[in-house]
N, C-alpha and C. Protein backbone atom coordinates (compact mmCIF):
# COMPACT_ATOMS: atom_id res chain seq x y z
N MET A 1 -13.23 7.61 6.74
CA MET A 1 -13.20 6.72 7.17
C MET A 1 -14.28 6.05 7.38
N HIS A 2 -13.69 4.27 6.51
CA HIS A 2 -14.95 3.83 6.06
C HIS A 2 -15.66 3.02 7.24
N SER A 3 -16.41 1.91 7.50
CA SER A 3 -16.66 1.20 7.58
C SER A 3 -16.85 -0.59 7.40
N ALA A 4 -17.11 -1.13 8.20
CA ALA A 4 -17.32 -2.14 7.58
C ALA A 4 -17.28 -3.46 8.19
N LYS A 5 -17.48 -4.66 7.76
CA LYS A 5 -18.15 -5.64 8.58
C LYS A 5 -17.49 -6.88 8.00
N PHE A 6 -17.44 -7.48 9.52
CA PHE A 6 -17.00 -9.24 9.63
C PHE A 6 -17.78 -9.85 9.37
N GLN A 7 -17.93 -10.70 9.05
CA GLN A 7 -19.57 -11.95 8.75
C GLN A 7 -18.13 -13.31 8.95
N ILE A 8 -18.35 -13.66 10.08
CA ILE A 8 -17.78 -14.52 10.66
C ILE A 8 -18.81 -16.25 9.86
N ARG A 9 -18.02 -16.99 9.18
CA ARG A 9 -19.62 -18.06 8.64
C ARG A 9 -18.29 -19.73 8.90
N PRO A 10 -19.10 -20.86 9.65
CA PRO A 10 -19.79 -21.29 10.81
C PRO A 10 -19.39 -20.44 11.74
N TYR A 11 -19.98 -20.58 12.94
CA TYR A 11 -19.82 -19.92 14.18
C TYR A 11 -18.61 -20.90 14.74
N ASP A 12 -17.63 -20.37 15.03
CA ASP A 12 -16.27 -20.83 15.83
C ASP A 12 -16.28 -19.44 16.14
N GLN A 13 -15.97 -20.19 17.87
CA GLN A 13 -15.31 -19.36 18.92
C GLN A 13 -13.87 -19.17 19.19
N GLN A 14 -13.33 -19.97 18.18
CA GLN A 14 -11.13 -19.77 18.22
C GLN A 14 -11.14 -18.74 16.70
N LEU A 15 -11.65 -18.18 16.21
CA LEU A 15 -12.11 -17.88 14.99
C LEU A 15 -12.53 -16.10 15.50
N ILE A 16 -13.77 -16.26 16.06
CA ILE A 16 -14.44 -15.00 16.77
C ILE A 16 -13.08 -14.61 17.66
N ASP A 17 -13.00 -15.21 18.50
CA ASP A 17 -11.63 -14.77 19.56
C ASP A 17 -10.62 -14.18 18.95
N TYR A 18 -9.86 -14.53 18.16
CA TYR A 18 -8.93 -14.29 17.56
C TYR A 18 -9.38 -13.23 16.94
N VAL A 19 -10.59 -12.64 15.43
CA VAL A 19 -11.12 -11.39 15.37
C VAL A 19 -10.92 -10.52 16.98
N LEU A 20 -11.40 -10.88 17.28
CA LEU A 20 -11.84 -9.46 19.11
C LEU A 20 -10.62 -9.34 19.23
N SER A 21 -9.54 -10.14 19.48
CA SER A 21 -8.54 -10.08 19.92
C SER A 21 -7.77 -8.94 18.77
N LYS A 22 -7.69 -9.17 17.99
CA LYS A 22 -6.87 -8.17 17.07
C LYS A 22 -7.47 -6.73 16.62
N ILE A 23 -9.26 -6.56 16.93
CA ILE A 23 -10.00 -5.66 17.07
C ILE A 23 -9.11 -4.66 18.07
N LYS A 24 -9.24 -5.03 19.50
CA LYS A 24 -8.85 -4.74 20.77
C LYS A 24 -7.12 -4.06 20.52
N GLU A 25 -6.46 -5.45 20.01
CA GLU A 25 -4.77 -4.57 19.98
C GLU A 25 -5.08 -3.33 18.73
N GLU A 26 -5.85 -3.26 18.05
CA GLU A 26 -5.80 -2.07 16.29
C GLU A 26 -6.62 -0.71 17.35
N ARG A 27 -7.55 -1.13 18.60
CA ARG A 27 -8.28 -0.47 19.13
C ARG A 27 -9.35 0.52 18.03
N VAL A 28 -9.93 -0.45 17.51
CA VAL A 28 -10.84 -0.47 16.99
C VAL A 28 -11.78 -0.39 17.22
N THR A 29 -12.74 0.50 16.84
CA THR A 29 -14.10 0.20 17.51
C THR A 29 -14.74 -0.38 16.91
N ILE A 30 -15.45 -0.93 17.47
CA ILE A 30 -16.89 -2.29 17.65
C ILE A 30 -18.42 -1.50 17.46
N THR A 31 -19.45 -1.05 16.33
CA THR A 31 -20.03 -0.65 16.56
C THR A 31 -21.25 -1.55 16.73
N LYS A 32 -21.47 -2.76 16.04
CA LYS A 32 -21.90 -3.16 16.06
C LYS A 32 -22.01 -4.81 16.20
N GLN A 33 -22.78 -5.97 16.95
CA GLN A 33 -22.34 -7.39 16.97
C GLN A 33 -24.17 -8.40 16.78
N ILE A 34 -24.01 -8.72 16.07
CA ILE A 34 -25.16 -9.47 15.80
C ILE A 34 -24.97 -10.53 15.49
N LYS A 35 -25.64 -11.77 16.34
CA LYS A 35 -25.49 -13.56 16.40
C LYS A 35 -26.26 -13.32 15.85
N LEU A 36 -25.58 -14.71 14.43
CA LEU A 36 -26.88 -15.39 13.61
C LEU A 36 -26.58 -16.67 13.52
N LYS A 37 -27.65 -17.64 12.89
CA LYS A 37 -27.35 -18.88 13.69
C LYS A 37 -26.78 -20.28 12.99
N GLU A 38 -26.02 -18.94 11.37
CA GLU A 38 -25.16 -19.93 11.23
C GLU A 38 -22.72 -18.77 11.39
N GLY A 39 -23.57 -17.97 12.06
CA GLY A 39 -21.85 -17.06 12.30
C GLY A 39 -22.31 -15.83 13.25
N LEU A 40 -21.68 -15.20 13.54
CA LEU A 40 -21.12 -13.41 13.66
C LEU A 40 -21.20 -12.74 12.48
N ASP A 41 -21.98 -11.07 12.64
CA ASP A 41 -21.64 -9.90 12.19
C ASP A 41 -21.43 -9.06 12.95
N ILE A 42 -19.80 -8.54 12.72
CA ILE A 42 -19.15 -7.84 13.86
C ILE A 42 -18.40 -6.40 13.15
N TYR A 43 -19.57 -5.01 13.12
CA TYR A 43 -19.64 -3.93 12.53
C TYR A 43 -18.87 -3.39 12.93
N ILE A 44 -17.16 -2.53 11.88
CA ILE A 44 -16.56 -1.71 12.81
C ILE A 44 -16.19 -0.79 12.35
N ASP A 45 -15.56 0.17 12.65
CA ASP A 45 -14.96 1.32 11.79
C ASP A 45 -14.44 1.95 11.25
N ASN A 46 -13.55 0.82 10.56
CA ASN A 46 -12.42 1.00 10.35
C ASN A 46 -12.19 -0.08 8.75
N ALA A 47 -12.26 0.05 7.93
CA ALA A 47 -12.06 -0.90 6.22
C ALA A 47 -11.34 -0.78 6.31
N THR A 48 -10.02 -0.23 6.35
CA THR A 48 -8.42 -1.08 5.95
C THR A 48 -8.10 -1.61 6.43
N PHE A 49 -8.14 -2.34 7.85
CA PHE A 49 -8.26 -2.62 9.06
C PHE A 49 -9.02 -3.97 8.84
N ALA A 50 -10.11 -4.35 7.89
CA ALA A 50 -10.47 -5.40 8.24
C ALA A 50 -10.49 -6.02 6.95
N VAL A 51 -9.89 -5.14 6.05
CA VAL A 51 -8.63 -5.82 4.75
C VAL A 51 -7.86 -6.08 5.30
N LYS A 52 -6.63 -5.81 6.36
CA LYS A 52 -5.52 -6.45 6.92
C LYS A 52 -5.51 -7.51 7.67
N ILE A 53 -6.82 -7.86 8.43
CA ILE A 53 -6.73 -9.05 8.68
C ILE A 53 -7.62 -9.89 8.11
N SER A 54 -8.08 -9.83 6.67
CA SER A 54 -8.84 -11.43 5.91
C SER A 54 -7.33 -11.63 5.16
N LYS A 55 -6.37 -10.80 5.13
CA LYS A 55 -5.15 -11.42 4.23
C LYS A 55 -4.37 -12.27 5.62
N LYS A 56 -4.65 -11.73 6.99
CA LYS A 56 -4.06 -12.62 7.65
C LYS A 56 -4.73 -14.07 8.92
N PHE A 57 -5.78 -13.79 8.17
CA PHE A 57 -7.21 -14.88 8.22
C PHE A 57 -6.64 -16.51 7.24
N LYS A 58 -6.16 -16.52 6.07
CA LYS A 58 -5.85 -16.67 5.58
C LYS A 58 -5.12 -17.51 5.27
N SER A 59 -3.96 -16.67 6.33
CA SER A 59 -2.86 -17.05 6.43
C SER A 59 -2.79 -18.96 7.25
N ARG A 60 -3.03 -18.33 8.81
CA ARG A 60 -3.51 -18.65 9.83
C ARG A 60 -4.72 -19.41 10.45
N PHE A 61 -5.49 -19.85 9.28
CA PHE A 61 -6.92 -20.09 9.47
C PHE A 61 -6.73 -21.37 8.05
N LYS A 62 -6.30 -21.16 7.17
CA LYS A 62 -6.22 -22.01 5.66
C LYS A 62 -7.52 -21.71 5.77
N GLY A 63 -8.76 -20.84 5.86
CA GLY A 63 -10.40 -20.77 5.44
C GLY A 63 -10.20 -19.76 3.67
N GLU A 64 -10.81 -19.40 3.45
CA GLU A 64 -11.84 -18.84 2.91
C GLU A 64 -12.01 -17.32 2.93
N SER A 65 -11.42 -16.26 2.43
CA SER A 65 -11.82 -15.36 3.06
C SER A 65 -12.10 -14.24 1.14
N LYS A 66 -13.88 -13.58 1.02
CA LYS A 66 -14.31 -12.78 0.14
C LYS A 66 -14.84 -11.20 0.58
N ILE A 67 -13.97 -10.03 -0.47
CA ILE A 67 -14.17 -8.98 0.18
C ILE A 67 -14.86 -8.64 -0.45
N THR A 68 -15.96 -7.50 -0.32
CA THR A 68 -17.31 -6.78 -1.18
C THR A 68 -16.80 -5.25 -0.71
N LYS A 69 -17.98 -4.79 -1.31
CA LYS A 69 -18.24 -3.49 -1.19
C LYS A 69 -19.37 -3.22 -1.36
N SER A 70 -20.28 -2.57 -0.51
CA SER A 70 -21.73 -2.14 -1.30
C SER A 70 -22.15 -0.90 -0.73
N LEU A 71 -22.69 -0.07 -1.51
CA LEU A 71 -23.50 1.38 -1.36
C LEU A 71 -23.87 2.36 -0.20
N ILE A 72 -23.68 2.72 1.21
CA ILE A 72 -24.20 2.71 1.89
C ILE A 72 -25.50 4.15 2.47
N GLY A 73 -25.04 5.39 1.21
CA GLY A 73 -25.72 5.92 1.30
C GLY A 73 -24.30 7.54 0.65
N GLU A 74 -24.89 8.07 0.85
CA GLU A 74 -23.24 9.78 0.06
C GLU A 74 -23.26 11.16 0.80
N ASN A 75 -21.93 11.29 0.94
CA ASN A 75 -22.24 12.32 1.30
C ASN A 75 -22.67 13.24 0.88
N LYS A 76 -22.87 14.61 0.97
CA LYS A 76 -24.36 15.12 0.55
C LYS A 76 -23.34 17.00 0.59
N THR A 77 -22.27 17.21 1.78
CA THR A 77 -21.40 17.86 1.41
C THR A 77 -20.74 18.38 0.00
N LYS A 78 -20.24 16.37 0.20
CA LYS A 78 -19.05 16.23 -0.44
C LYS A 78 -19.41 16.21 -1.98
N GLY A 79 -20.32 15.69 -1.84
CA GLY A 79 -20.46 14.97 -2.93
C GLY A 79 -19.85 14.15 -3.46
N LYS A 80 -19.38 12.72 -2.38
CA LYS A 80 -18.84 11.34 -2.96
C LYS A 80 -19.69 10.09 -2.21
N ARG A 81 -19.63 9.08 -2.62
CA ARG A 81 -20.14 7.80 -1.93
C ARG A 81 -19.70 7.33 -0.93
N ILE A 82 -20.62 6.77 0.17
CA ILE A 82 -20.13 5.81 1.14
C ILE A 82 -20.81 4.70 1.12
N TYR A 83 -19.53 3.97 1.20
CA TYR A 83 -19.29 2.29 1.12
C TYR A 83 -19.20 1.77 1.92
N ARG A 84 -19.53 0.41 2.81
CA ARG A 84 -19.37 -0.35 3.68
C ARG A 84 -18.55 -1.62 3.03
N VAL A 85 -17.33 -1.80 3.68
CA VAL A 85 -16.22 -3.12 2.89
C VAL A 85 -17.21 -3.89 3.45
N THR A 86 -16.95 -5.26 3.13
CA THR A 86 -17.49 -6.50 4.16
C THR A 86 -16.67 -7.51 3.55
N VAL A 87 -16.34 -8.51 4.49
CA VAL A 87 -14.89 -9.20 4.40
C VAL A 87 -15.54 -10.61 5.13
N LEU A 88 -15.87 -11.74 4.47
CA LEU A 88 -16.44 -12.35 4.42
C LEU A 88 -15.66 -13.68 5.35
N LEU A 89 -15.08 -14.71 6.30
CA LEU A 89 -14.15 -14.88 6.80
C LEU A 89 -15.59 -16.61 6.82
N ARG A 90 -14.42 -17.63 5.91
CA ARG A 90 -14.79 -18.70 6.10
C ARG A 90 -14.22 -19.96 6.55
N LEU A 91 -14.60 -20.93 7.58
CA LEU A 91 -14.07 -21.60 7.51
C LEU A 91 -14.01 -22.94 6.35
N PRO A 92 -13.13 -24.36 6.63
CA PRO A 92 -13.31 -24.72 5.61
C PRO A 92 -14.31 -26.21 5.74
N LYS A 93 -14.90 -26.90 5.40
CA LYS A 93 -15.94 -27.70 6.11
C LYS A 93 -14.82 -28.80 6.99
N ASP A 94 -14.07 -28.92 6.54
CA ASP A 94 -13.69 -30.40 6.44
C ASP A 94 -12.79 -29.95 8.43
N LEU A 95 -12.92 -28.80 9.22
CA LEU A 95 -12.58 -28.13 10.67
C LEU A 95 -13.08 -28.75 11.25
């Protein structure tokens, strides 16, 4: 299972509570949280779940979401590359 990162921009407590409640419902492990001046980064251990949440976010909050992946390492025994999925959840500026 690949890791993922949510980037919540700007800092919005309602959106953060929504994401954290969905993480708790699905029993996904949060590996790290970093609070930034422009928002919050939440690292989890389930990339499939992160993509699923981004689709729900668009319909509920009418915001923008972007999904990217970045190479974070390589599994030496299997010879496969390991990627982290990054999901940007950005609320519209007029809210």
